[in-house]
C-alpha atoms as a PDB file:
ATOM      1  CA  MET A   1     -73.698  15.499 -22.601  1.00  0.00           C
ATOM      2  CA  ILE A   2     -71.735  17.273 -25.306  1.00  0.00           C
ATOM      3  CA  VAL A   3     -68.205  15.775 -26.032  1.00  0.00           C
ATOM      4  CA  ASP A   4     -65.994  17.757 -28.647  1.00  0.00           C
ATOM      5  CA  HIS A   5     -63.457  15.999 -30.806  1.00  0.00           C
ATOM      6  CA  CYS A   6     -60.457  16.733 -28.626  1.00  0.00           C
ATOM      7  CA  THR A   7     -62.363  15.121 -25.723  1.00  0.00           C
ATOM      8  CA  PHE A   8     -63.302  12.232 -27.699  1.00  0.00           C
ATOM      9  CA  ALA A   9     -59.709  11.766 -28.879  1.00  0.00           C
ATOM     10  CA  VAL A  10     -58.501  11.578 -25.346  1.00  0.00           C
ATOM     11  CA  LEU A  11     -61.177   9.231 -24.105  1.00  0.00           C
ATOM     12  CA  PHE A  12     -60.448   6.846 -27.035  1.00  0.00           C
ATOM     13  CA  ALA A  13     -56.730   7.045 -26.286  1.00  0.00           C
ATOM     14  CA  LEU A  14     -57.560   5.845 -22.808  1.00  0.00           C
ATOM     15  CA  VAL A  15     -59.243   2.744 -24.060  1.00  0.00           C
ATOM     16  CA  PRO A  16     -56.906  -0.326 -24.445  1.00  0.00           C
ATOM     17  CA  ILE A  17     -56.194  -1.480 -27.958  1.00  0.00           C
ATOM     18  CA  SER A  18     -57.412  -5.073 -26.634  1.00  0.00           C
ATOM     19  CA  MET A  19     -60.864  -3.813 -26.267  1.00  0.00           C
ATOM     20  CA  VAL A  20     -60.890  -2.555 -29.836  1.00  0.00           C
ATOM     21  CA  LEU A  21     -59.401  -5.673 -31.556  1.00  0.00           C
ATOM     22  CA  GLY A  22     -60.629  -8.233 -28.938  1.00  0.00           C
ATOM     23  CA  VAL A  23     -57.138  -9.171 -27.915  1.00  0.00           C
ATOM     24  CA  ASP A  24     -56.528  -9.980 -24.188  1.00  0.00           C
ATOM     25  CA  THR A  25     -53.299  -8.368 -23.195  1.00  0.00           C
ATOM     26  CA  ALA A  26     -53.611  -9.082 -19.370  1.00  0.00           C
ATOM     27  CA  PRO A  27     -50.963 -11.088 -17.884  1.00  0.00           C
ATOM     28  CA  HIS A  28     -51.661 -14.751 -17.426  1.00  0.00           C
ATOM     29  CA  GLN A  29     -49.836 -17.907 -16.403  1.00  0.00           C
ATOM     30  CA  CYS A  30     -50.546 -21.290 -17.921  1.00  0.00           C
ATOM     31  CA  ALA A  31     -49.039 -24.802 -17.756  1.00  0.00           C
ATOM     32  CA  ALA A  32     -47.160 -26.504 -20.578  1.00  0.00           C
ATOM     33  CA  GLN A  33     -50.104 -28.883 -21.035  1.00  0.00           C
ATOM     34  CA  PRO A  34     -53.752 -27.844 -21.136  1.00  0.00           C
ATOM     35  CA  LEU A  35     -56.265 -28.692 -18.267  1.00  0.00           C
ATOM     36  CA  TYR A  36     -58.850 -29.811 -21.072  1.00  0.00           C
ATOM     37  CA  GLN A  37     -58.143 -32.572 -23.536  1.00  0.00           C
ATOM     38  CA  HIS A  38     -61.118 -33.501 -25.806  1.00  0.00           C
ATOM     39  CA  GLY A  39     -59.617 -36.541 -27.483  1.00  0.00           C
ATOM     40  CA  PHE A  40     -61.861 -39.113 -28.888  1.00  0.00           C
ATOM     41  CA  GLU A  41     -64.799 -37.794 -27.242  1.00  0.00           C
ATOM     42  CA  PRO A  42     -68.055 -36.724 -29.069  1.00  0.00           C
ATOM     43  CA  PRO A  43     -68.896 -33.101 -29.265  1.00  0.00           C
ATOM     44  CA  VAL A  44     -70.202 -31.443 -26.125  1.00  0.00           C
ATOM     45  CA  ASP A  45     -72.779 -28.600 -26.229  1.00  0.00           C
ATOM     46  CA  LEU A  46     -72.197 -25.624 -23.961  1.00  0.00           C
ATOM     47  CA  ASP A  47     -74.701 -23.022 -22.847  1.00  0.00           C
ATOM     48  CA  CYS A  48     -73.363 -19.835 -24.590  1.00  0.00           C
ATOM     49  CA  ILE A  49     -76.078 -17.156 -25.433  1.00  0.00           C
ATOM     50  CA  THR A  50     -79.750 -16.896 -24.712  1.00  0.00           C
ATOM     51  CA  GLN A  51     -82.537 -16.861 -27.034  1.00  0.00           C
ATOM     52  CA  LEU A  52     -82.836 -13.092 -26.915  1.00  0.00           C
ATOM     53  CA  GLU A  53     -79.066 -12.901 -27.576  1.00  0.00           C
ATOM     54  CA  SER A  54     -79.493 -15.292 -30.480  1.00  0.00           C
ATOM     55  CA  GLN A  55     -82.144 -13.066 -32.051  1.00  0.00           C
ATOM     56  CA  LYS A  56     -79.848  -9.900 -31.572  1.00  0.00           C
ATOM     57  CA  ALA A  57     -77.015 -11.816 -33.416  1.00  0.00           C
ATOM     58  CA  PHE A  58     -79.328 -12.843 -35.975  1.00  0.00           C
ATOM     59  CA  ASP A  59     -80.616  -9.161 -36.617  1.00  0.00           C
ATOM     60  CA  GLU A  60     -77.125  -7.791 -36.657  1.00  0.00           C
ATOM     61  CA  VAL A  61     -76.079 -10.466 -39.253  1.00  0.00           C
ATOM     62  CA  MET A  62     -79.276  -9.445 -41.468  1.00  0.00           C
ATOM     63  CA  HIS A  63     -78.229  -5.837 -41.010  1.00  0.00           C
ATOM     64  CA  LEU A  64     -74.878  -6.432 -42.616  1.00  0.00           C
ATOM     65  CA  LYS A  65     -76.176  -8.152 -45.647  1.00  0.00           C
ATOM     66  CA  HIS A  66     -74.309  -5.899 -47.835  1.00  0.00           C
ATOM     67  CA  GLU A  67     -71.079  -7.370 -46.366  1.00  0.00           C
ATOM     68  CA  TRP A  68     -71.894 -11.030 -47.095  1.00  0.00           C
ATOM     69  CA  ILE A  69     -69.782 -12.942 -49.494  1.00  0.00           C
ATOM     70  CA  ARG A  70     -71.211 -15.501 -51.858  1.00  0.00           C
ATOM     71  CA  GLN A  71     -69.379 -19.003 -51.713  1.00  0.00           C
ATOM     72  CA  THR A  72     -70.433 -21.604 -54.201  1.00  0.00           C
ATOM     73  CA  LEU A  73     -70.751 -24.993 -52.408  1.00  0.00           C
ATOM     74  CA  GLY A  74     -67.440 -26.804 -52.809  1.00  0.00           C
ATOM     75  CA  SER A  75     -65.222 -23.785 -52.887  1.00  0.00           C
ATOM     76  CA  GLU A  76     -63.503 -24.766 -49.637  1.00  0.00           C
ATOM     77  CA  GLN A  77     -60.471 -26.986 -50.181  1.00  0.00           C
ATOM     78  CA  THR A  78     -62.267 -29.922 -48.290  1.00  0.00           C
ATOM     79  CA  GLN A  79     -65.067 -29.609 -50.803  1.00  0.00           C
ATOM     80  CA  THR A  80     -63.346 -29.381 -54.286  1.00  0.00           C
ATOM     81  CA  ASP A  81     -64.621 -32.806 -55.154  1.00  0.00           C
ATOM     82  CA  LEU A  82     -68.079 -31.816 -54.183  1.00  0.00           C
ATOM     83  CA  SER A  83     -67.955 -28.794 -56.623  1.00  0.00           C
ATOM     84  CA  SER A  84     -67.042 -30.874 -59.617  1.00  0.00           C
ATOM     85  CA  LYS A  85     -69.528 -33.502 -58.766  1.00  0.00           C
ATOM     86  CA  LEU A  86     -72.353 -30.995 -58.575  1.00  0.00           C
ATOM     87  CA  LYS A  87     -71.415 -29.612 -61.945  1.00  0.00           C
ATOM     88  CA  ARG A  88     -71.347 -33.091 -63.553  1.00  0.00           C
ATOM     89  CA  LEU A  89     -74.555 -34.280 -61.919  1.00  0.00           C
ATOM     90  CA  PHE A  90     -76.616 -31.061 -61.977  1.00  0.00           C
ATOM     91  CA  PRO A  91     -75.292 -28.766 -64.696  1.00  0.00           C
ATOM     92  CA  ASP A  92     -78.478 -26.648 -64.762  1.00  0.00           C
ATOM     93  CA  HIS A  93     -78.627 -26.151 -60.892  1.00  0.00           C
ATOM     94  CA  ALA A  94     -75.148 -26.359 -59.465  1.00  0.00           C
ATOM     95  CA  HIS A  95     -74.721 -22.547 -59.784  1.00  0.00           C
ATOM     96  CA  LYS A  96     -77.691 -22.202 -57.558  1.00  0.00           C
ATOM     97  CA  LEU A  97     -76.041 -24.073 -54.636  1.00  0.00           C
ATOM     98  CA  TYR A  98     -74.197 -21.647 -52.556  1.00  0.00           C
ATOM     99  CA  GLU A  99     -73.831 -20.253 -49.100  1.00  0.00           C
ATOM    100  CA  MET A 100     -72.832 -16.908 -47.811  1.00  0.00           C
ATOM    101  CA  THR A 101     -69.984 -15.864 -45.398  1.00  0.00           C
ATOM    102  CA  LEU A 102     -69.660 -12.821 -43.053  1.00  0.00           C
ATOM    103  CA  GLY A 103     -66.361 -12.134 -41.659  1.00  0.00           C
ATOM    104  CA  PRO A 104     -62.587 -13.233 -42.606  1.00  0.00           C
ATOM    105  CA  ASN A 105     -61.682 -16.735 -42.582  1.00  0.00           C
ATOM    106  CA  VAL A 106     -59.111 -19.256 -43.644  1.00  0.00           C
ATOM    107  CA  ASN A 107     -60.253 -21.998 -45.971  1.00  0.00           C
ATOM    108  CA  TYR A 108     -59.268 -25.558 -44.951  1.00  0.00           C
ATOM    109  CA  ASN A 109     -55.452 -26.262 -45.728  1.00  0.00           C
ATOM    110  CA  ILE A 110     -54.917 -23.362 -48.242  1.00  0.00           C
ATOM    111  CA  PRO A 111     -51.858 -21.424 -47.177  1.00  0.00           C
ATOM    112  CA  GLU A 112     -52.539 -18.859 -49.790  1.00  0.00           C
ATOM    113  CA  ASP A 113     -55.659 -17.584 -47.800  1.00  0.00           C
ATOM    114  CA  ALA A 114     -53.888 -17.121 -44.572  1.00  0.00           C
ATOM    115  CA  PRO A 115     -53.318 -13.172 -45.190  1.00  0.00           C
ATOM    116  CA  VAL A 116     -56.918 -12.682 -45.424  1.00  0.00           C
ATOM    117  CA  LEU A 117     -57.030 -12.939 -41.725  1.00  0.00           C
ATOM    118  CA  ASN A 118     -55.291  -9.616 -41.555  1.00  0.00           C
ATOM    119  CA  GLY A 119     -57.881  -7.819 -43.784  1.00  0.00           C
ATOM    120  CA  TRP A 120     -59.532  -4.611 -42.730  1.00  0.00           C
ATOM    121  CA  ASN A 121     -62.822  -6.554 -41.807  1.00  0.00           C
ATOM    122  CA  VAL A 122     -61.101  -8.042 -38.643  1.00  0.00           C
ATOM    123  CA  THR A 123     -61.359  -4.769 -36.805  1.00  0.00           C
ATOM    124  CA  PHE A 124     -64.871  -4.324 -38.343  1.00  0.00           C
ATOM    125  CA  MET A 125     -66.026  -7.742 -36.971  1.00  0.00           C
ATOM    126  CA  HIS A 126     -64.842  -6.988 -33.623  1.00  0.00           C
ATOM    127  CA  SER A 127     -66.471  -3.705 -33.485  1.00  0.00           C
ATOM    128  CA  GLN A 128     -69.845  -5.194 -34.767  1.00  0.00           C
ATOM    129  CA  PHE A 129     -69.694  -8.513 -32.719  1.00  0.00           C
ATOM    130  CA  GLY A 130     -67.243  -7.882 -29.888  1.00  0.00           C
ATOM    131  CA  TRP A 131     -70.165  -8.723 -27.266  1.00  0.00           C
ATOM    132  CA  LEU A 132     -70.809 -12.023 -28.890  1.00  0.00           C
ATOM    133  CA  PHE A 133     -67.067 -12.930 -29.206  1.00  0.00           C
ATOM    134  CA  ASP A 134     -66.757 -12.145 -25.558  1.00  0.00           C
ATOM    135  CA  LYS A 135     -69.625 -14.703 -24.856  1.00  0.00           C
ATOM    136  CA  VAL A 136     -67.703 -17.231 -26.829  1.00  0.00           C
ATOM    137  CA  LYS A 137     -64.469 -16.552 -25.134  1.00  0.00           C
ATOM    138  CA  ALA A 138     -66.109 -16.759 -21.639  1.00  0.00           C
ATOM    139  CA  THR A 139     -67.925 -20.152 -22.383  1.00  0.00           C
ATOM    140  CA  LEU A 140     -64.642 -21.687 -23.582  1.00  0.00           C
ATOM    141  CA  ARG A 141     -62.822 -20.280 -20.775  1.00  0.00           C
ATOM    142  CA  LYS A 142     -65.165 -22.014 -18.331  1.00  0.00           C
ATOM    143  CA  GLN A 143     -64.957 -25.247 -20.156  1.00  0.00           C
ATOM    144  CA  LEU A 144     -61.233 -25.428 -20.963  1.00  0.00           C
ATOM    145  CA  GLY A 145     -60.021 -24.094 -17.656  1.00  0.00           C
ATOM    146  CA  ASP A 146     -57.074 -22.120 -19.049  1.00  0.00           C
ATOM    147  CA  HIS A 147     -56.651 -18.805 -20.448  1.00  0.00           C
ATOM    148  CA  VAL A 148     -58.507 -18.113 -23.757  1.00  0.00           C
ATOM    149  CA  SER A 149     -57.810 -15.393 -26.206  1.00  0.00           C
ATOM    150  CA  ILE A 150     -58.506 -14.461 -29.844  1.00  0.00           C
ATOM    151  CA  ARG A 151     -55.459 -14.699 -31.987  1.00  0.00           C
ATOM    152  CA  PRO A 152     -54.113 -11.101 -32.803  1.00  0.00           C
ATOM    153  CA  GLY A 153     -55.517 -10.089 -36.266  1.00  0.00           C
ATOM    154  CA  SER A 154     -58.250 -12.738 -36.200  1.00  0.00           C
ATOM    155  CA  SER A 155     -61.930 -13.005 -35.564  1.00  0.00           C
ATOM    156  CA  PHE A 156     -64.712 -15.549 -35.855  1.00  0.00           C
ATOM    157  CA  PHE A 157     -67.021 -15.644 -39.065  1.00  0.00           C
ATOM    158  CA  PHE A 158     -70.639 -16.637 -40.004  1.00  0.00           C
ATOM    159  CA  ARG A 159     -71.708 -19.198 -42.417  1.00  0.00           C
ATOM    160  CA  ILE A 160     -74.985 -18.321 -43.847  1.00  0.00           C
ATOM    161  CA  LEU A 161     -77.579 -20.521 -45.939  1.00  0.00           C
ATOM    162  CA  SER A 162     -80.826 -18.950 -46.871  1.00  0.00           C
ATOM    163  CA  GLY A 163     -83.981 -20.879 -47.689  1.00  0.00           C
ATOM    164  CA  ASN A 164     -85.026 -17.888 -49.698  1.00  0.00           C
ATOM    165  CA  GLU A 165     -82.425 -18.897 -52.257  1.00  0.00           C
ATOM    166  CA  THR A 166     -83.651 -22.424 -52.584  1.00  0.00           C
ATOM    167  CA  VAL A 167     -87.271 -21.893 -53.570  1.00  0.00           C
ATOM    168  CA  ASP A 168     -86.566 -24.000 -56.858  1.00  0.00           C
ATOM    169  CA  PRO A 169     -88.009 -27.502 -55.610  1.00  0.00           C
ATOM    170  CA  THR A 170     -85.210 -29.140 -57.574  1.00  0.00           C
ATOM    171  CA  VAL A 171     -82.480 -27.298 -55.514  1.00  0.00           C
ATOM    172  CA  ARG A 172     -84.334 -28.149 -52.365  1.00  0.00           C
ATOM    173  CA  GLN A 173     -84.274 -31.671 -53.363  1.00  0.00           C
ATOM    174  CA  ILE A 174     -80.588 -31.711 -54.061  1.00  0.00           C
ATOM    175  CA  LEU A 175     -79.570 -30.178 -50.835  1.00  0.00           C
ATOM    176  CA  LYS A 176     -81.255 -33.219 -49.065  1.00  0.00           C
ATOM    177  CA  MET A 177     -79.477 -35.626 -51.502  1.00  0.00           C
ATOM    178  CA  ILE A 178     -75.928 -34.321 -51.524  1.00  0.00           C
ATOM    179  CA  PRO A 179     -73.345 -35.372 -49.008  1.00  0.00           C
ATOM    180  CA  SER A 180     -70.873 -32.985 -47.866  1.00  0.00           C
ATOM    181  CA  PRO A 181     -67.256 -34.318 -48.032  1.00  0.00           C
ATOM    182  CA  GLY A 182     -65.877 -35.494 -44.704  1.00  0.00           C
ATOM    183  CA  HIS A 183     -62.698 -34.219 -43.519  1.00  0.00           C
ATOM    184  CA  TYR A 184     -60.113 -33.727 -40.588  1.00  0.00           C
ATOM    185  CA  ASP A 185     -59.643 -30.095 -39.544  1.00  0.00           C
ATOM    186  CA  GLY A 186     -55.978 -28.966 -40.174  1.00  0.00           C
ATOM    187  CA  LEU A 187     -56.344 -25.343 -40.915  1.00  0.00           C
ATOM    188  CA  TRP A 188     -54.264 -24.235 -38.083  1.00  0.00           C
ATOM    189  CA  THR A 189     -51.234 -25.660 -39.833  1.00  0.00           C
ATOM    190  CA  VAL A 190     -51.244 -22.701 -42.336  1.00  0.00           C
ATOM    191  CA  LEU A 191     -50.575 -20.229 -39.650  1.00  0.00           C
ATOM    192  CA  ASP A 192     -47.548 -19.136 -37.688  1.00  0.00           C
ATOM    193  CA  TRP A 193     -47.284 -20.275 -34.118  1.00  0.00           C
ATOM    194  CA  PRO A 194     -44.573 -19.975 -31.334  1.00  0.00           C
ATOM    195  CA  GLU A 195     -42.031 -22.673 -31.046  1.00  0.00           C
ATOM    196  CA  GLY A 196     -43.227 -25.617 -29.123  1.00  0.00           C
ATOM    197  CA  VAL A 197     -46.889 -25.829 -30.667  1.00  0.00           C
ATOM    198  CA  THR A 198     -47.316 -29.404 -31.810  1.00  0.00           C
ATOM    199  CA  PHE A 199     -51.163 -29.129 -32.615  1.00  0.00           C
ATOM    200  CA  GLU A 200     -51.649 -32.007 -30.227  1.00  0.00           C
ATOM    201  CA  HIS A 201     -54.322 -30.093 -28.508  1.00  0.00           C
ATOM    202  CA  THR A 202     -56.904 -28.314 -30.762  1.00  0.00           C
ATOM    203  CA  ILE A 203     -60.577 -27.263 -30.632  1.00  0.00           C
ATOM    204  CA  SER A 204     -63.136 -26.763 -33.412  1.00  0.00           C
ATOM    205  CA  PHE A 205     -66.488 -25.073 -32.331  1.00  0.00           C
ATOM    206  CA  THR A 206     -69.766 -23.938 -33.912  1.00  0.00           C
ATOM    207  CA  LEU A 207     -72.403 -21.557 -32.412  1.00  0.00           C
ATOM    208  CA  PRO A 208     -75.800 -21.924 -34.131  1.00  0.00           C
ATOM    209  CA  ILE A 209     -77.648 -18.520 -34.587  1.00  0.00           C
ATOM    210  CA  ALA A 210     -80.429 -19.858 -36.490  1.00  0.00           C
ATOM    211  CA  MET A 211     -81.517 -23.387 -37.670  1.00  0.00           C
ATOM    212  CA  PRO A 212     -83.821 -24.810 -40.352  1.00  0.00           C
ATOM    213  CA  ARG A 213     -87.250 -25.816 -39.096  1.00  0.00           C
ATOM    214  CA  GLY A 214     -86.193 -29.453 -39.881  1.00  0.00           C
ATOM    215  CA  GLY A 215     -83.100 -29.170 -37.772  1.00  0.00           C
ATOM    216  CA  HIS A 216     -79.525 -29.777 -38.741  1.00  0.00           C
ATOM    217  CA  GLY A 217     -76.010 -30.527 -37.341  1.00  0.00           C
ATOM    218  CA  LEU A 218     -72.662 -32.054 -37.677  1.00  0.00           C
ATOM    219  CA  LYS A 219     -72.156 -35.527 -39.304  1.00  0.00           C
ATOM    220  CA  ILE A 220     -69.468 -37.644 -37.609  1.00  0.00           C
ATOM    221  CA  PHE A 221     -67.843 -40.794 -38.933  1.00  0.00           C
ATOM    222  CA  GLU A 222     -66.208 -43.462 -36.749  1.00  0.00           C
ATOM    223  CA  ARG A 223     -62.822 -42.329 -37.760  1.00  0.00           C
ATOM    224  CA  TYR A 224     -60.228 -40.299 -35.710  1.00  0.00           C
ATOM    225  CA  ARG A 225     -56.900 -39.275 -36.728  1.00  0.00           C
ATOM    226  CA  HIS A 226     -54.315 -38.932 -33.939  1.00  0.00           C
ATOM    227  CA  PRO A 227     -52.948 -35.288 -34.225  1.00  0.00           C
ATOM    228  CA  LEU A 228     -49.303 -36.588 -33.350  1.00  0.00           C
ATOM    229  CA  THR A 229     -48.873 -39.982 -34.682  1.00  0.00           C
ATOM    230  CA  GLN A 230     -51.161 -39.368 -37.646  1.00  0.00           C
ATOM    231  CA  GLU A 231     -52.509 -42.954 -37.027  1.00  0.00           C
ATOM    232  CA  TYR A 232     -56.229 -43.509 -37.737  1.00  0.00           C
ATOM    233  CA  HIS A 233     -58.386 -44.996 -34.827  1.00  0.00           C
ATOM    234  CA  HIS A 234     -61.714 -46.304 -34.532  1.00  0.00           C
ATOM    235  CA  TYR A 235     -63.817 -43.377 -33.033  1.00  0.00           C
ATOM    236  CA  VAL A 236     -65.748 -45.668 -30.491  1.00  0.00           C
ATOM    237  CA  THR A 237     -63.218 -48.685 -29.797  1.00  0.00           C
ATOM    238  CA  LYS A 238     -60.344 -46.387 -30.052  1.00  0.00           C
ATOM    239  CA  GLU A 239     -58.380 -49.286 -31.832  1.00  0.00           C
ATOM    240  CA  VAL A 240     -55.840 -48.383 -34.582  1.00  0.00           C
ATOM    241  CA  LEU A 241     -57.324 -49.049 -37.954  1.00  0.00           C
ATOM    242  CA  THR A 242     -55.424 -51.168 -40.458  1.00  0.00           C
ATOM    243  CA  PRO A 243     -55.029 -49.774 -44.211  1.00  0.00           C
ATOM    244  CA  GLU A 244     -57.798 -52.227 -45.190  1.00  0.00           C
ATOM    245  CA  GLU A 245     -60.204 -50.869 -42.393  1.00  0.00           C
ATOM    246  CA  ARG A 246     -59.621 -47.278 -43.215  1.00  0.00           C
ATOM    247  CA  ASP A 247     -60.641 -47.869 -46.777  1.00  0.00           C
ATOM    248  CA  LYS A 248     -64.026 -49.314 -45.710  1.00  0.00           C
ATOM    249  CA  PRO A 249     -67.131 -47.051 -45.376  1.00  0.00           C
ATOM    250  CA  ALA A 250     -67.392 -45.709 -41.803  1.00  0.00           C
ATOM    251  CA  ASN A 251     -70.446 -45.632 -39.786  1.00  0.00           C
ATOM    252  CA  SER A 252     -71.619 -42.122 -38.970  1.00  0.00           C
ATOM    253  CA  TYR A 253     -74.311 -40.361 -36.828  1.00  0.00           C
ATOM    254  CA  ILE A 254     -75.697 -36.734 -36.665  1.00  0.00           C
ATOM    255  CA  HIS A 255     -74.824 -34.582 -33.700  1.00  0.00           C
ATOM    256  CA  PRO A 256     -77.668 -32.111 -33.769  1.00  0.00           C
ATOM    257  CA  TYR A 257     -77.103 -28.263 -33.409  1.00  0.00           C
ATOM    258  CA  HIS A 258     -79.063 -26.274 -30.819  1.00  0.00           C
ATOM    259  CA  ILE A 259     -79.484 -22.299 -31.147  1.00  0.00           C
ATOM    260  CA  GLY A 260     -77.464 -20.651 -28.567  1.00  0.00           C
ATOM    261  CA  LYS A 261     -75.350 -23.838 -27.544  1.00  0.00           C
ATOM    262  CA  LEU A 262     -71.743 -23.925 -28.593  1.00  0.00           C
ATOM    263  CA  SER A 263     -70.880 -27.250 -29.924  1.00  0.00           C
ATOM    264  CA  LEU A 264     -67.284 -28.171 -29.222  1.00  0.00           C
ATOM    265  CA  HIS A 265     -65.093 -30.929 -30.551  1.00  0.00           C
ATOM    266  CA  SER A 266     -61.295 -31.590 -31.292  1.00  0.00           C
ATOM    267  CA  GLY A 267     -61.611 -31.303 -35.087  1.00  0.00           C
ATOM    268  CA  ASN A 268     -59.634 -34.656 -35.263  1.00  0.00           C
ATOM    269  CA  GLU A 269     -62.393 -36.898 -36.052  1.00  0.00           C
ATOM    270  CA  PHE A 270     -63.711 -37.376 -39.676  1.00  0.00           C
ATOM    271  CA  HIS A 271     -66.686 -34.935 -39.795  1.00  0.00           C
ATOM    272  CA  SER A 272     -68.933 -32.886 -42.369  1.00  0.00           C
ATOM    273  CA  VAL A 273     -71.829 -30.677 -42.540  1.00  0.00           C
ATOM    274  CA  ALA A 274     -74.910 -32.991 -42.374  1.00  0.00           C
ATOM    275  CA  GLU A 275     -77.393 -33.370 -45.166  1.00  0.00           C
ATOM    276  CA  PHE A 276     -80.579 -31.318 -44.919  1.00  0.00           C
ATOM    277  CA  ARG A 277     -83.667 -32.944 -43.960  1.00  0.00           C
ATOM    278  CA  ASP A 278     -85.795 -30.284 -45.638  1.00  0.00           C
ATOM    279  CA  VAL A 279     -85.331 -26.529 -46.597  1.00  0.00           C
ATOM    280  CA  GLN A 280     -88.198 -24.127 -46.600  1.00  0.00           C
ATOM    281  CA  PRO A 281     -88.107 -20.603 -48.139  1.00  0.00           C
ATOM    282  CA  ASP A 282     -88.179 -18.804 -44.781  1.00  0.00           C
ATOM    283  CA  ASP A 283     -85.539 -21.074 -43.286  1.00  0.00           C
ATOM    284  CA  TRP A 284     -81.982 -19.885 -42.179  1.00  0.00           C
ATOM    285  CA  ARG A 285     -78.920 -21.757 -41.273  1.00  0.00           C
ATOM    286  CA  ILE A 286     -76.575 -19.377 -39.627  1.00  0.00           C
ATOM    287  CA  THR A 287     -73.509 -20.513 -37.561  1.00  0.00           C
ATOM    288  CA  LEU A 288     -70.558 -18.610 -35.940  1.00  0.00           C
ATOM    289  CA  GLN A 289     -67.477 -20.841 -36.633  1.00  0.00           C
ATOM    290  CA  GLY A 290     -63.901 -20.881 -34.941  1.00  0.00           C
ATOM    291  CA  TRP A 291     -61.038 -22.994 -34.015  1.00  0.00           C
ATOM    292  CA  GLY A 292     -58.402 -22.981 -31.254  1.00  0.00           C
ATOM    293  CA  VAL A 293     -54.801 -24.282 -30.642  1.00  0.00           C
ATOM    294  CA  PHE A 294     -53.273 -24.679 -27.134  1.00  0.00           C
ATOM    295  CA  VAL A 295     -49.966 -22.704 -26.894  1.00  0.00           C
ATOM    296  CA  PRO A 296     -47.822 -24.059 -23.994  1.00  0.00           C
ATOM    297  CA  ASN A 297     -47.413 -21.674 -21.095  1.00  0.00           C
ATOM    298  CA  GLN A 298     -49.960 -19.124 -22.828  1.00  0.00           C
ATOM    299  CA  GLY A 299     -53.256 -20.862 -23.071  1.00  0.00           C
ATOM    300  CA  TRP A 300     -55.737 -21.369 -25.985  1.00  0.00           C
ATOM    301  CA  GLU A 301     -55.556 -19.025 -29.099  1.00  0.00           C
ATOM    302  CA  LEU A 302     -58.688 -18.847 -30.933  1.00  0.00           C
ATOM    303  CA  PHE A 303     -59.341 -17.783 -34.722  1.00  0.00           C
ATOM    304  CA  GLY A 304     -61.930 -18.186 -37.459  1.00  0.00           C
END
C-alpha cells in the first residue's frame, strides 16, 4: 500500500494527541479518596511484563545508548553526602562510580529540575516506549482500582548500571561496600498540582528490566514518615517514634527485585538502593522508575 504525504497528514490528524503523548483524555469519574491506600505496608510485586517483553525493553534501551546521560553516584539531591564521601574515601576511583539514565526525570527535592519534564525527549520517550508505559498503567490501574494516567508533559525514565564499566576490581569492591543514603520520597512537592492535593496518597514504583546475577533490590528501614502529620513511626509496630528513637540506627531489610514484576510502595518509608552483592563485567541493572499522586475526583497521575 502506497500512502502519499497528504494522505499521511490526514491519517495523523485523525490520531488523538493522547496516543502520541500517552495522555488519557477519556472522561472518567473518581471519588475524593482513593480505593487503594498503601500506608505502612511493605512493597508489593505485581506481574507487569513477560520475559520476552523484558528482553524487548532491554534491546530498545540498548539501541538508544547514544541518548543515555551519565550521572555520577551522588548527583541526586538525596545522595549529595555520598558524592563527597566517595571523593574523600576513594579519590582515585570516585569518578568511575556512576550510572546512566535514559529519559527526563526530576531529581529528588530539586525545584530547579522540574522544567526538564517538559523537554523534547518526553515525546520521544512516549514514541519509543509507549507500549511499555501502557503496560505499567494497566498494571497499576488493576492494583489501584481508580483511573490512572501519565501526567501531561511527563514520562517515566530508566536507570542503568553496566557491569562493563566496573571491570576494575577495586570499583567492584567499592560498589559492594558503599551504602546508598536513605531517604523519603518527596519529589512530587516540586510540581504544580490542582487545589486539594495534599500528598496523603502517593506511590513509588520500579519495574526491573535487567538485574545483576547476584540479584538486587530495595533497602527498607524501619522508619515511616506520615505524609500529613510528618510524624515518624516505627515501620512494623506503627508506633510514633520519640526524637531519641529517631536518632538511633534503624533495622533494615532488602526487598528483592524480580525482572518483569513492578514493585510498588508509598515512598514514605525510609529507603535506599541496596548494596550490590557482586558485579560482573556482563551484568546490567536496568529499571524503569516512576511515581504517582492521587488527585481527588480525577485519579492517579503518574510521572518520572
